[in-house]
């Protein structure tokens, strides 16, 4: 388990670096359901690069805020992969996604997932997800959950 700061809301970077040097993981996963402020993804990526590890960001609870540009995009900050639920803050049908900006990783995921794990294509679910994504693309910040403003304010209050 990754070390967290004393308040429990984000990663303790010096402690993570020490743990990574000791364990030498192949994958570092970051995310959570209770986040008042964004995680330091770029700094985590720098630590991961020291041992050749990949960074996976679990955006199950934040993907709507990321899509609405209320929170930074973990892929743009250096995460190799991002997982998410399409129905929590994104507002789509019940499903999940794994996304990446890296072609080699995308090819490996595709080889693993298809046809074995995705052989039951659901056109209705795909169409509903497409409509949700188009809404985010076209309306972006207007659709984002309002909780980001309250969380950031609470985070500033707790953090000093």
N, C-alpha and C. Protein backbone atom coordinates (compact mmCIF):
# COMPACT_ATOMS: atom_id res chain seq x y z
N UNK A 1 0.85 -1.17 0.00
CA UNK A 1 0.00 0.00 0.00
C UNK A 1 0.89 1.23 0.00
N UNK A 2 0.52 2.21 -0.80
CA UNK A 2 1.29 3.44 -0.89
C UNK A 2 1.17 4.25 0.39
N UNK A 3 2.24 4.85 0.82
CA UNK A 3 2.17 5.70 2.01
C UNK A 3 1.40 6.98 1.71
N UNK A 4 0.66 7.44 2.69
CA UNK A 4 -0.14 8.66 2.52
C UNK A 4 0.32 9.73 3.50
N UNK A 5 -0.04 10.97 3.20
CA UNK A 5 0.28 12.08 4.08
C UNK A 5 -0.47 11.92 5.40
N UNK A 6 -0.07 12.68 6.40
CA UNK A 6 -0.67 12.57 7.72
C UNK A 6 -2.19 12.78 7.69
N UNK A 7 -2.68 13.64 6.79
CA UNK A 7 -4.11 13.87 6.72
C UNK A 7 -4.84 12.76 5.97
N UNK A 8 -4.09 11.88 5.29
CA UNK A 8 -4.69 10.74 4.60
C UNK A 8 -5.28 11.04 3.24
N UNK A 9 -5.04 12.23 2.70
CA UNK A 9 -5.71 12.62 1.46
C UNK A 9 -4.87 12.51 0.21
N UNK A 10 -3.57 12.29 0.32
CA UNK A 10 -2.75 12.12 -0.87
C UNK A 10 -1.50 11.34 -0.52
N UNK A 11 -0.68 11.12 -1.52
CA UNK A 11 0.52 10.30 -1.36
C UNK A 11 1.63 11.08 -0.68
N UNK A 12 2.33 10.40 0.23
CA UNK A 12 3.52 10.94 0.86
C UNK A 12 4.67 10.65 -0.11
N UNK A 13 5.09 11.64 -0.87
CA UNK A 13 6.07 11.43 -1.94
C UNK A 13 7.42 10.93 -1.46
N UNK A 14 8.02 11.51 -0.42
CA UNK A 14 9.31 10.98 0.06
C UNK A 14 9.20 9.51 0.52
N UNK A 15 8.11 9.19 1.21
CA UNK A 15 7.93 7.81 1.67
C UNK A 15 7.67 6.88 0.48
N UNK A 16 6.93 7.36 -0.53
CA UNK A 16 6.71 6.55 -1.73
C UNK A 16 8.02 6.28 -2.45
N UNK A 17 8.85 7.30 -2.56
CA UNK A 17 10.14 7.12 -3.24
C UNK A 17 10.98 6.07 -2.52
N UNK A 18 11.02 6.13 -1.20
CA UNK A 18 11.79 5.14 -0.43
C UNK A 18 11.22 3.73 -0.63
N UNK A 19 9.90 3.60 -0.61
CA UNK A 19 9.25 2.31 -0.80
C UNK A 19 9.53 1.76 -2.21
N UNK A 20 9.44 2.62 -3.21
CA UNK A 20 9.69 2.21 -4.59
C UNK A 20 11.13 1.74 -4.76
N UNK A 21 12.07 2.43 -4.15
CA UNK A 21 13.47 2.02 -4.23
C UNK A 21 13.69 0.65 -3.57
N UNK A 22 12.94 0.38 -2.51
CA UNK A 22 13.08 -0.89 -1.79
C UNK A 22 12.39 -2.04 -2.54
N UNK A 23 11.15 -1.81 -3.00
CA UNK A 23 10.32 -2.87 -3.58
C UNK A 23 10.54 -3.04 -5.08
N UNK A 24 10.84 -1.95 -5.77
CA UNK A 24 11.01 -1.93 -7.23
C UNK A 24 9.80 -2.53 -7.95
N UNK A 25 8.63 -1.90 -7.78
CA UNK A 25 7.41 -2.43 -8.39
C UNK A 25 7.41 -2.24 -9.91
N UNK A 26 6.59 -3.00 -10.58
CA UNK A 26 6.41 -2.83 -12.03
C UNK A 26 5.25 -1.87 -12.32
N UNK A 27 4.35 -1.70 -11.33
CA UNK A 27 3.18 -0.86 -11.50
C UNK A 27 2.90 -0.11 -10.20
N UNK A 28 2.65 1.18 -10.31
CA UNK A 28 2.21 2.00 -9.17
C UNK A 28 0.82 2.49 -9.51
N UNK A 29 -0.14 2.16 -8.65
CA UNK A 29 -1.53 2.56 -8.86
C UNK A 29 -1.86 3.69 -7.90
N UNK A 30 -2.48 4.72 -8.44
CA UNK A 30 -2.88 5.87 -7.62
C UNK A 30 -4.35 6.17 -7.91
N UNK A 31 -5.06 6.64 -6.92
CA UNK A 31 -6.48 6.97 -7.08
C UNK A 31 -7.14 6.89 -5.73
N UNK A 32 -8.43 6.94 -5.71
CA UNK A 32 -9.15 6.83 -4.46
C UNK A 32 -10.53 7.44 -4.57
N UNK A 33 -11.35 7.16 -3.59
CA UNK A 33 -12.72 7.66 -3.64
C UNK A 33 -12.88 8.95 -2.85
N UNK A 34 -11.91 9.30 -2.02
CA UNK A 34 -12.01 10.52 -1.23
C UNK A 34 -10.79 11.40 -1.54
N UNK A 35 -10.97 12.30 -2.46
CA UNK A 35 -9.90 13.20 -2.86
C UNK A 35 -10.38 14.63 -2.76
N UNK A 36 -9.68 15.42 -1.97
CA UNK A 36 -10.04 16.83 -1.87
C UNK A 36 -9.27 17.66 -2.89
N UNK A 37 -8.11 17.18 -3.27
CA UNK A 37 -7.29 17.87 -4.27
C UNK A 37 -6.68 16.80 -5.18
N UNK A 38 -6.27 17.17 -6.38
CA UNK A 38 -5.67 16.19 -7.29
C UNK A 38 -4.38 15.60 -6.73
N UNK A 39 -4.11 14.36 -7.10
CA UNK A 39 -2.87 13.70 -6.70
C UNK A 39 -1.69 14.24 -7.53
N UNK A 40 -0.47 14.17 -7.00
CA UNK A 40 0.71 14.67 -7.70
C UNK A 40 1.23 13.65 -8.73
N UNK A 41 0.50 13.49 -9.82
CA UNK A 41 0.80 12.44 -10.80
C UNK A 41 2.18 12.62 -11.42
N UNK A 42 2.55 13.84 -11.79
CA UNK A 42 3.87 14.05 -12.42
C UNK A 42 5.00 13.63 -11.49
N UNK A 43 4.87 13.93 -10.22
CA UNK A 43 5.89 13.56 -9.25
C UNK A 43 5.93 12.04 -9.05
N UNK A 44 4.76 11.41 -9.05
CA UNK A 44 4.70 9.95 -8.93
C UNK A 44 5.33 9.31 -10.16
N UNK A 45 5.07 9.87 -11.33
CA UNK A 45 5.68 9.34 -12.56
C UNK A 45 7.20 9.43 -12.48
N UNK A 46 7.73 10.54 -11.98
CA UNK A 46 9.19 10.68 -11.85
C UNK A 46 9.76 9.61 -10.93
N UNK A 47 9.05 9.31 -9.86
CA UNK A 47 9.49 8.25 -8.94
C UNK A 47 9.41 6.89 -9.65
N UNK A 48 8.34 6.64 -10.37
CA UNK A 48 8.17 5.38 -11.09
C UNK A 48 9.27 5.18 -12.13
N UNK A 49 9.63 6.25 -12.81
CA UNK A 49 10.67 6.17 -13.84
C UNK A 49 12.02 5.73 -13.27
N UNK A 50 12.26 5.99 -12.00
CA UNK A 50 13.53 5.59 -11.38
C UNK A 50 13.75 4.08 -11.41
N UNK A 51 12.65 3.32 -11.41
CA UNK A 51 12.77 1.85 -11.41
C UNK A 51 12.09 1.22 -12.63
N UNK A 52 11.67 2.03 -13.58
CA UNK A 52 11.03 1.50 -14.78
C UNK A 52 9.61 1.03 -14.57
N UNK A 53 8.93 1.55 -13.56
CA UNK A 53 7.55 1.16 -13.27
C UNK A 53 6.58 1.98 -14.12
N UNK A 54 5.41 1.43 -14.34
CA UNK A 54 4.32 2.14 -15.00
C UNK A 54 3.43 2.75 -13.92
N UNK A 55 2.71 3.82 -14.29
CA UNK A 55 1.76 4.47 -13.38
C UNK A 55 0.35 4.29 -13.93
N UNK A 56 -0.52 3.74 -13.09
CA UNK A 56 -1.93 3.57 -13.43
C UNK A 56 -2.74 4.48 -12.51
N UNK A 57 -3.57 5.34 -13.08
CA UNK A 57 -4.42 6.23 -12.30
C UNK A 57 -5.84 5.68 -12.34
N UNK A 58 -6.40 5.38 -11.18
CA UNK A 58 -7.78 4.91 -11.08
C UNK A 58 -8.68 6.14 -10.92
N UNK A 59 -9.39 6.47 -11.99
CA UNK A 59 -10.23 7.67 -12.00
C UNK A 59 -11.71 7.34 -11.86
N UNK A 60 -12.03 6.22 -11.21
CA UNK A 60 -13.43 5.81 -11.10
C UNK A 60 -14.32 6.91 -10.53
N UNK A 61 -13.82 7.64 -9.55
CA UNK A 61 -14.63 8.67 -8.91
C UNK A 61 -14.37 10.07 -9.48
N UNK A 62 -13.27 10.27 -10.19
CA UNK A 62 -12.91 11.60 -10.67
C UNK A 62 -13.09 11.80 -12.16
N UNK A 63 -13.46 10.78 -12.93
CA UNK A 63 -13.40 10.92 -14.39
C UNK A 63 -14.32 12.02 -14.92
N UNK A 64 -15.45 12.27 -14.28
CA UNK A 64 -16.31 13.38 -14.72
C UNK A 64 -15.63 14.72 -14.53
N UNK A 65 -14.93 14.88 -13.40
CA UNK A 65 -14.23 16.14 -13.15
C UNK A 65 -13.02 16.28 -14.07
N UNK A 66 -12.39 15.15 -14.42
CA UNK A 66 -11.27 15.19 -15.36
C UNK A 66 -11.78 15.52 -16.75
N UNK A 67 -12.85 14.86 -17.16
CA UNK A 67 -13.43 15.11 -18.48
C UNK A 67 -13.95 16.54 -18.59
N UNK A 68 -14.53 17.07 -17.52
CA UNK A 68 -15.02 18.44 -17.50
C UNK A 68 -13.94 19.48 -17.26
N UNK A 69 -12.70 19.03 -17.19
CA UNK A 69 -11.53 19.89 -17.04
C UNK A 69 -11.51 20.66 -15.70
N UNK A 70 -12.21 20.11 -14.71
CA UNK A 70 -12.15 20.69 -13.38
C UNK A 70 -10.93 20.17 -12.62
N UNK A 71 -10.43 19.01 -13.02
CA UNK A 71 -9.22 18.42 -12.46
C UNK A 71 -8.26 18.13 -13.59
N UNK A 72 -6.97 18.08 -13.31
CA UNK A 72 -6.00 17.79 -14.37
C UNK A 72 -6.16 16.37 -14.92
N UNK A 73 -5.79 16.20 -16.17
CA UNK A 73 -5.84 14.90 -16.82
C UNK A 73 -4.59 14.10 -16.43
N UNK A 74 -4.75 12.99 -15.71
CA UNK A 74 -3.59 12.21 -15.27
C UNK A 74 -2.72 11.71 -16.43
N UNK A 75 -3.31 11.43 -17.58
CA UNK A 75 -2.51 10.99 -18.73
C UNK A 75 -1.60 12.11 -19.20
N UNK A 76 -2.11 13.33 -19.21
CA UNK A 76 -1.30 14.48 -19.62
C UNK A 76 -0.20 14.76 -18.61
N UNK A 77 -0.40 14.36 -17.35
CA UNK A 77 0.59 14.58 -16.31
C UNK A 77 1.60 13.43 -16.18
N UNK A 78 1.42 12.37 -16.99
CA UNK A 78 2.42 11.31 -17.00
C UNK A 78 1.95 9.91 -16.68
N UNK A 79 0.70 9.73 -16.26
CA UNK A 79 0.23 8.37 -16.01
C UNK A 79 0.26 7.59 -17.33
N UNK A 80 0.66 6.34 -17.25
CA UNK A 80 0.70 5.49 -18.44
C UNK A 80 -0.69 4.99 -18.82
N UNK A 81 -1.51 4.74 -17.79
CA UNK A 81 -2.85 4.18 -17.97
C UNK A 81 -3.82 4.89 -17.04
N UNK A 82 -5.10 4.89 -17.45
CA UNK A 82 -6.14 5.41 -16.57
C UNK A 82 -7.34 4.49 -16.69
N UNK A 83 -7.87 4.06 -15.55
CA UNK A 83 -9.08 3.26 -15.52
C UNK A 83 -10.21 4.12 -14.97
N UNK A 84 -11.43 3.77 -15.34
CA UNK A 84 -12.57 4.55 -14.84
C UNK A 84 -13.86 3.76 -14.99
N UNK A 85 -14.83 4.15 -14.22
CA UNK A 85 -16.20 3.67 -14.37
C UNK A 85 -16.91 4.71 -15.22
N UNK A 86 -17.77 4.24 -16.09
CA UNK A 86 -18.45 5.18 -16.99
C UNK A 86 -19.75 5.71 -16.41
N UNK A 87 -20.14 5.24 -15.23
CA UNK A 87 -21.45 5.62 -14.70
C UNK A 87 -21.40 6.44 -13.43
N UNK A 88 -20.26 6.57 -12.79
CA UNK A 88 -20.22 7.32 -11.54
C UNK A 88 -20.29 8.81 -11.84
N UNK A 89 -19.18 9.48 -11.96
CA UNK A 89 -19.22 10.93 -12.23
C UNK A 89 -19.27 11.23 -13.73
N UNK A 90 -19.11 10.23 -14.59
CA UNK A 90 -19.14 10.46 -16.03
C UNK A 90 -20.56 10.51 -16.58
N UNK A 91 -21.48 9.80 -15.94
CA UNK A 91 -22.88 9.86 -16.33
C UNK A 91 -23.26 8.96 -17.50
N UNK A 92 -22.45 7.97 -17.80
CA UNK A 92 -22.76 7.05 -18.89
C UNK A 92 -23.39 5.77 -18.36
N UNK A 93 -23.52 4.77 -19.23
CA UNK A 93 -24.09 3.48 -18.82
C UNK A 93 -23.10 2.71 -17.95
N UNK A 94 -23.57 1.73 -17.19
CA UNK A 94 -22.66 0.94 -16.35
C UNK A 94 -21.63 0.20 -17.20
N UNK A 95 -20.39 0.55 -17.00
CA UNK A 95 -19.30 -0.08 -17.72
C UNK A 95 -17.99 0.45 -17.16
N UNK A 96 -16.90 0.11 -17.81
CA UNK A 96 -15.60 0.60 -17.40
C UNK A 96 -14.72 0.81 -18.61
N UNK A 97 -13.68 1.61 -18.43
CA UNK A 97 -12.75 1.90 -19.52
C UNK A 97 -11.32 1.83 -19.00
N UNK A 98 -10.42 1.44 -19.88
CA UNK A 98 -8.99 1.57 -19.66
C UNK A 98 -8.47 2.39 -20.83
N UNK A 99 -7.82 3.52 -20.53
CA UNK A 99 -7.34 4.40 -21.59
C UNK A 99 -5.85 4.69 -21.39
N UNK A 100 -5.19 5.01 -22.49
CA UNK A 100 -3.77 5.35 -22.47
C UNK A 100 -3.47 6.26 -23.65
N UNK A 101 -2.39 7.00 -23.55
CA UNK A 101 -1.89 7.81 -24.67
C UNK A 101 -0.77 7.10 -25.42
N UNK A 102 -0.39 5.91 -24.95
CA UNK A 102 0.77 5.22 -25.49
C UNK A 102 0.34 4.06 -26.37
N UNK A 103 0.72 4.12 -27.65
CA UNK A 103 0.30 3.13 -28.64
C UNK A 103 0.71 1.71 -28.26
N UNK A 104 1.92 1.52 -27.76
CA UNK A 104 2.38 0.17 -27.42
C UNK A 104 1.53 -0.43 -26.31
N UNK A 105 1.17 0.37 -25.32
CA UNK A 105 0.32 -0.13 -24.24
C UNK A 105 -1.07 -0.43 -24.77
N UNK A 106 -1.61 0.44 -25.62
CA UNK A 106 -2.94 0.23 -26.20
C UNK A 106 -2.97 -1.08 -27.00
N UNK A 107 -1.93 -1.36 -27.76
CA UNK A 107 -1.86 -2.60 -28.53
C UNK A 107 -1.83 -3.82 -27.61
N UNK A 108 -1.08 -3.74 -26.53
CA UNK A 108 -1.03 -4.86 -25.58
C UNK A 108 -2.37 -5.08 -24.90
N UNK A 109 -3.03 -3.99 -24.52
CA UNK A 109 -4.35 -4.12 -23.91
C UNK A 109 -5.36 -4.72 -24.88
N UNK A 110 -5.31 -4.27 -26.12
CA UNK A 110 -6.23 -4.78 -27.13
C UNK A 110 -6.03 -6.27 -27.34
N UNK A 111 -4.78 -6.71 -27.37
CA UNK A 111 -4.48 -8.13 -27.55
C UNK A 111 -4.99 -8.97 -26.39
N UNK A 112 -4.97 -8.40 -25.18
CA UNK A 112 -5.46 -9.11 -24.00
C UNK A 112 -6.99 -9.12 -23.98
N UNK A 113 -7.60 -7.99 -24.25
CA UNK A 113 -9.05 -7.84 -24.07
C UNK A 113 -9.89 -8.43 -25.20
N UNK A 114 -9.38 -8.41 -26.41
CA UNK A 114 -10.21 -8.84 -27.54
C UNK A 114 -9.60 -10.07 -28.18
N UNK A 115 -10.37 -11.10 -28.43
CA UNK A 115 -11.82 -11.21 -28.26
C UNK A 115 -12.26 -11.76 -26.91
N UNK A 116 -11.35 -12.30 -26.13
CA UNK A 116 -11.71 -13.01 -24.91
C UNK A 116 -12.55 -12.26 -23.91
N UNK A 117 -12.19 -11.03 -23.59
CA UNK A 117 -12.89 -10.30 -22.54
C UNK A 117 -13.98 -9.38 -23.07
N UNK A 118 -13.99 -9.11 -24.35
CA UNK A 118 -14.97 -8.17 -24.91
C UNK A 118 -15.75 -8.78 -26.06
N UNK A 119 -15.95 -10.06 -26.02
CA UNK A 119 -16.62 -10.74 -27.13
C UNK A 119 -18.13 -10.48 -27.16
N UNK A 120 -18.70 -9.94 -26.10
CA UNK A 120 -20.14 -9.70 -26.10
C UNK A 120 -20.42 -8.20 -26.30
N UNK A 121 -20.18 -7.73 -27.49
CA UNK A 121 -20.38 -6.33 -27.85
C UNK A 121 -21.82 -5.93 -27.59
N UNK A 122 -22.03 -4.81 -26.94
CA UNK A 122 -23.36 -4.30 -26.61
C UNK A 122 -23.54 -2.96 -27.30
N UNK A 123 -24.23 -2.96 -28.44
CA UNK A 123 -24.39 -1.74 -29.24
C UNK A 123 -25.13 -0.64 -28.47
N UNK A 124 -26.12 -1.02 -27.68
CA UNK A 124 -26.88 -0.01 -26.93
C UNK A 124 -25.99 0.68 -25.90
N UNK A 125 -25.15 -0.11 -25.21
CA UNK A 125 -24.25 0.48 -24.22
C UNK A 125 -23.22 1.37 -24.90
N UNK A 126 -22.71 0.94 -26.03
CA UNK A 126 -21.73 1.74 -26.76
C UNK A 126 -22.33 3.05 -27.24
N UNK A 127 -23.57 2.99 -27.72
CA UNK A 127 -24.23 4.21 -28.19
C UNK A 127 -24.49 5.17 -27.03
N UNK A 128 -24.92 4.64 -25.88
CA UNK A 128 -25.17 5.49 -24.72
C UNK A 128 -23.87 6.14 -24.24
N UNK A 129 -22.78 5.38 -24.25
CA UNK A 129 -21.50 5.94 -23.84
C UNK A 129 -21.05 7.01 -24.83
N UNK A 130 -21.27 6.78 -26.12
CA UNK A 130 -20.90 7.77 -27.14
C UNK A 130 -21.66 9.08 -26.91
N UNK A 131 -22.93 8.99 -26.59
CA UNK A 131 -23.72 10.21 -26.33
C UNK A 131 -23.18 10.93 -25.10
N UNK A 132 -22.86 10.19 -24.04
CA UNK A 132 -22.29 10.81 -22.84
C UNK A 132 -20.98 11.51 -23.16
N UNK A 133 -20.12 10.86 -23.93
CA UNK A 133 -18.83 11.45 -24.27
C UNK A 133 -19.00 12.69 -25.17
N UNK A 134 -19.96 12.64 -26.08
CA UNK A 134 -20.23 13.82 -26.92
C UNK A 134 -20.73 14.98 -26.07
N UNK A 135 -21.57 14.70 -25.08
CA UNK A 135 -22.02 15.75 -24.15
C UNK A 135 -20.83 16.40 -23.46
N UNK A 136 -19.89 15.57 -22.97
CA UNK A 136 -18.71 16.12 -22.31
C UNK A 136 -17.88 16.93 -23.28
N UNK A 137 -17.71 16.43 -24.49
CA UNK A 137 -16.91 17.16 -25.48
C UNK A 137 -17.55 18.51 -25.81
N UNK A 138 -18.85 18.52 -26.01
CA UNK A 138 -19.53 19.73 -26.46
C UNK A 138 -19.84 20.72 -25.34
N UNK A 139 -20.06 20.21 -24.13
CA UNK A 139 -20.50 21.09 -23.04
C UNK A 139 -19.52 21.16 -21.88
N UNK A 140 -18.56 20.25 -21.84
CA UNK A 140 -17.46 20.25 -20.90
C UNK A 140 -17.73 20.79 -19.52
N UNK A 141 -17.16 21.95 -19.24
CA UNK A 141 -17.22 22.52 -17.89
C UNK A 141 -18.64 22.73 -17.38
N UNK A 142 -19.59 22.94 -18.27
CA UNK A 142 -20.97 23.12 -17.84
C UNK A 142 -21.58 21.86 -17.25
N UNK A 143 -21.02 20.69 -17.57
CA UNK A 143 -21.54 19.42 -17.08
C UNK A 143 -20.83 18.92 -15.84
N UNK A 144 -19.68 19.49 -15.54
CA UNK A 144 -18.87 18.92 -14.46
C UNK A 144 -19.60 18.96 -13.13
N UNK A 145 -19.34 17.98 -12.29
CA UNK A 145 -19.97 17.97 -10.97
C UNK A 145 -19.55 19.20 -10.16
N UNK A 146 -20.48 19.75 -9.39
CA UNK A 146 -20.19 20.92 -8.57
C UNK A 146 -19.31 20.61 -7.37
N UNK A 147 -19.16 19.34 -7.03
CA UNK A 147 -18.41 18.96 -5.84
C UNK A 147 -16.95 19.38 -5.87
N UNK A 148 -16.39 19.61 -7.06
CA UNK A 148 -14.97 19.95 -7.13
C UNK A 148 -14.67 21.25 -6.40
N UNK A 149 -15.57 22.22 -6.48
CA UNK A 149 -15.34 23.50 -5.80
C UNK A 149 -15.37 23.32 -4.28
N UNK A 150 -16.30 22.50 -3.80
CA UNK A 150 -16.42 22.29 -2.36
C UNK A 150 -15.23 21.49 -1.85
N UNK A 151 -14.83 20.47 -2.59
CA UNK A 151 -13.68 19.66 -2.19
C UNK A 151 -12.40 20.46 -2.14
N UNK A 152 -12.19 21.32 -3.14
CA UNK A 152 -10.96 22.13 -3.16
C UNK A 152 -10.96 23.10 -1.97
N UNK A 153 -12.11 23.68 -1.66
CA UNK A 153 -12.19 24.59 -0.52
C UNK A 153 -11.93 23.86 0.79
N UNK A 154 -12.50 22.69 0.91
CA UNK A 154 -12.28 21.90 2.13
C UNK A 154 -10.81 21.48 2.22
N UNK A 155 -10.23 21.14 1.08
CA UNK A 155 -8.82 20.75 1.07
C UNK A 155 -7.93 21.89 1.51
N UNK A 156 -8.23 23.10 1.07
CA UNK A 156 -7.43 24.26 1.49
C UNK A 156 -7.60 24.50 3.00
N UNK A 157 -8.84 24.31 3.49
CA UNK A 157 -9.09 24.52 4.90
C UNK A 157 -8.39 23.49 5.78
N UNK A 158 -8.38 22.25 5.34
CA UNK A 158 -7.72 21.20 6.12
C UNK A 158 -6.22 21.34 6.05
N UNK A 159 -5.72 21.66 4.84
CA UNK A 159 -4.29 21.73 4.63
C UNK A 159 -3.65 22.99 5.17
N UNK A 160 -4.43 23.92 5.58
CA UNK A 160 -3.85 25.13 6.16
C UNK A 160 -4.14 26.27 5.34
